[in-house]
Amino acid sequence: MTSRTQERDYLKIVRELSDGVLLPYQSTYIVAYRARTNRFNRQRRKRLPPGRQISPIRHVDVIKRLAQTGWGCYYCDGPFESWDHLTPLGRGGNNDLPNLVPSCRGCNNRKADMTEEEFKYARLSAE
């Protein structure tokens, strides 16, 4: 399958997930994200102990995850700028897709090493 065919397939999936509306930054993101995801999966494989396998993150699953949050921050509906771990790596979390959510940089920095529940509580008490 050629690169152009893959791009068309990804864009078709995104259109379906976002009710036919595809903003320019979304299509640009999809094309650029494929290379980043492949590189991320290669790095994950290198860090594993011998004999252990990873479940690679598929582009389609990432697109579905972004569409679930409306292409915005999971916490505040701001713009998507980075990925955040619901359970931080330092507290037993992992890099698998169910533990990753899109977030804006502000929320990602404020959340730091808190869990999702702790962060939501901290935001409520700050208001």
Protein backbone atom coordinates (compact mmCIF):
# COMPACT_ATOMS: atom_id res chain seq x y z
CA MET A 1 0.00 0.00 0.00
CA THR A 2 1.43 3.34 -0.98
CA SER A 3 1.86 6.28 1.29
CA ARG A 4 -0.80 8.30 -0.54
CA THR A 5 -3.31 5.47 -0.27
CA GLN A 6 -2.65 5.21 3.47
CA GLU A 7 -3.12 8.96 3.87
CA ARG A 8 -6.46 8.81 2.03
CA ASP A 9 -7.56 5.89 4.22
CA TYR A 10 -6.65 7.75 7.41
CA LEU A 11 -8.42 10.89 6.25
CA LYS A 12 -11.50 8.84 5.35
CA ILE A 13 -11.56 7.32 8.84
CA VAL A 14 -11.23 10.74 10.45
CA ARG A 15 -14.05 12.15 8.34
CA GLU A 16 -16.26 9.27 9.47
CA LEU A 17 -15.33 9.79 13.11
CA SER A 18 -15.82 13.55 13.03
CA ASP A 19 -19.20 13.54 11.25
CA GLY A 20 -17.74 14.49 7.89
CA VAL A 21 -16.05 17.64 9.17
CA LEU A 22 -12.29 17.60 8.79
CA LEU A 23 -10.38 20.70 9.74
CA PRO A 24 -7.06 21.43 7.96
CA TYR A 25 -4.94 20.91 11.08
CA GLN A 26 -6.50 17.48 11.59
CA SER A 27 -5.47 16.18 8.18
CA THR A 28 -1.97 17.62 8.58
CA TYR A 29 -1.69 15.98 11.98
CA ILE A 30 -2.71 12.57 10.66
CA VAL A 31 -0.07 12.60 7.93
CA ALA A 32 2.69 13.73 10.32
CA TYR A 33 1.60 11.43 13.14
CA ARG A 34 2.16 8.23 11.18
CA ALA A 35 5.92 8.75 11.15
CA ARG A 36 5.99 9.71 14.84
CA THR A 37 4.00 6.64 15.86
CA ASN A 38 6.29 4.33 13.90
CA ARG A 39 9.33 5.91 15.58
CA PHE A 40 7.67 5.66 19.02
CA ASN A 41 6.91 1.94 18.51
CA ARG A 42 10.53 1.30 17.47
CA GLN A 43 11.80 3.06 20.62
CA ARG A 44 9.40 1.06 22.81
CA ARG A 45 10.69 -2.20 21.32
CA LYS A 46 14.32 -1.22 22.04
CA ARG A 47 13.60 -0.57 25.75
CA LEU A 48 11.95 -3.93 26.37
CA PRO A 49 13.80 -6.80 28.03
CA PRO A 50 14.70 -9.64 25.65
CA GLY A 51 11.83 -11.98 24.84
CA ARG A 52 9.06 -9.49 25.72
CA GLN A 53 6.79 -8.00 23.07
CA ILE A 54 4.75 -4.82 22.94
CA SER A 55 1.35 -4.22 21.50
CA PRO A 56 2.06 -1.53 18.90
CA ILE A 57 -0.07 1.59 18.89
CA ARG A 58 -2.06 1.69 15.65
CA HIS A 59 -2.71 4.97 13.85
CA VAL A 60 -6.41 4.23 13.53
CA ASP A 61 -6.71 3.77 17.31
CA VAL A 62 -4.95 7.09 17.90
CA ILE A 63 -7.32 8.85 15.52
CA LYS A 64 -10.32 7.28 17.26
CA ARG A 65 -8.93 8.40 20.64
CA LEU A 66 -8.57 11.97 19.37
CA ALA A 67 -12.05 11.95 17.85
CA GLN A 68 -13.52 10.79 21.20
CA THR A 69 -12.29 14.00 22.82
CA GLY A 70 -13.28 16.22 19.91
CA TRP A 71 -9.64 16.73 18.89
CA GLY A 72 -9.07 18.75 22.05
CA CYS A 73 -7.74 18.48 25.57
CA TYR A 74 -9.25 15.67 27.64
CA TYR A 75 -9.33 17.88 30.75
CA CYS A 76 -10.34 21.37 29.60
CA ASP A 77 -11.44 21.15 25.93
CA GLY A 78 -8.48 23.33 24.94
CA PRO A 79 -6.37 22.56 21.85
CA PHE A 80 -4.60 19.22 21.59
CA GLU A 81 -0.85 19.77 21.99
CA SER A 82 0.57 16.70 23.75
CA TRP A 83 -0.23 13.28 25.17
CA ASP A 84 -0.73 12.80 28.90
CA HIS A 85 -0.69 9.64 31.00
CA LEU A 86 -3.85 9.07 33.07
CA THR A 87 -1.71 7.08 35.50
CA PRO A 88 1.78 8.64 35.46
CA LEU A 89 4.72 6.45 34.49
CA GLY A 90 6.34 7.09 37.88
CA ARG A 91 3.25 5.73 39.62
CA GLY A 92 2.92 2.47 37.71
CA GLY A 93 1.39 3.71 34.46
CA ASN A 94 2.46 2.59 31.02
CA ASN A 95 2.68 3.92 27.47
CA ASP A 96 -0.25 1.88 26.15
CA LEU A 97 -3.05 3.79 24.42
CA PRO A 98 -5.72 3.21 27.11
CA ASN A 99 -3.46 5.12 29.54
CA LEU A 100 -2.84 8.04 27.12
CA VAL A 101 -5.15 11.00 26.56
CA PRO A 102 -4.73 14.13 24.46
CA SER A 103 -4.14 17.29 26.47
CA CYS A 104 -3.07 20.89 26.16
CA ARG A 105 0.38 21.78 27.45
CA GLY A 106 -1.05 23.75 30.36
CA CYS A 107 -3.07 20.84 31.72
CA ASN A 108 -0.23 18.41 31.09
CA ASN A 109 2.21 20.60 33.06
CA ARG A 110 -0.24 21.29 35.91
CA LYS A 111 -1.15 17.60 36.23
CA ALA A 112 2.53 16.64 36.57
CA ASP A 113 2.64 13.30 38.44
CA MET A 114 -0.95 13.33 39.72
CA THR A 115 -3.46 10.67 38.78
CA GLU A 116 -6.59 11.67 36.87
CA GLU A 117 -8.70 11.74 40.06
CA GLU A 118 -6.15 13.81 41.99
CA PHE A 119 -5.92 16.31 39.13
CA LYS A 120 -9.68 16.70 38.84
CA TYR A 121 -9.91 17.25 42.61
CA ALA A 122 -7.08 19.82 42.50
CA ARG A 123 -8.84 21.69 39.67
CA LEU A 124 -12.14 21.73 41.56
CA SER A 125 -10.56 23.00 44.77
CA ALA A 126 -8.69 25.73 42.85
CA GLU A 127 -11.94 27.11 41.44
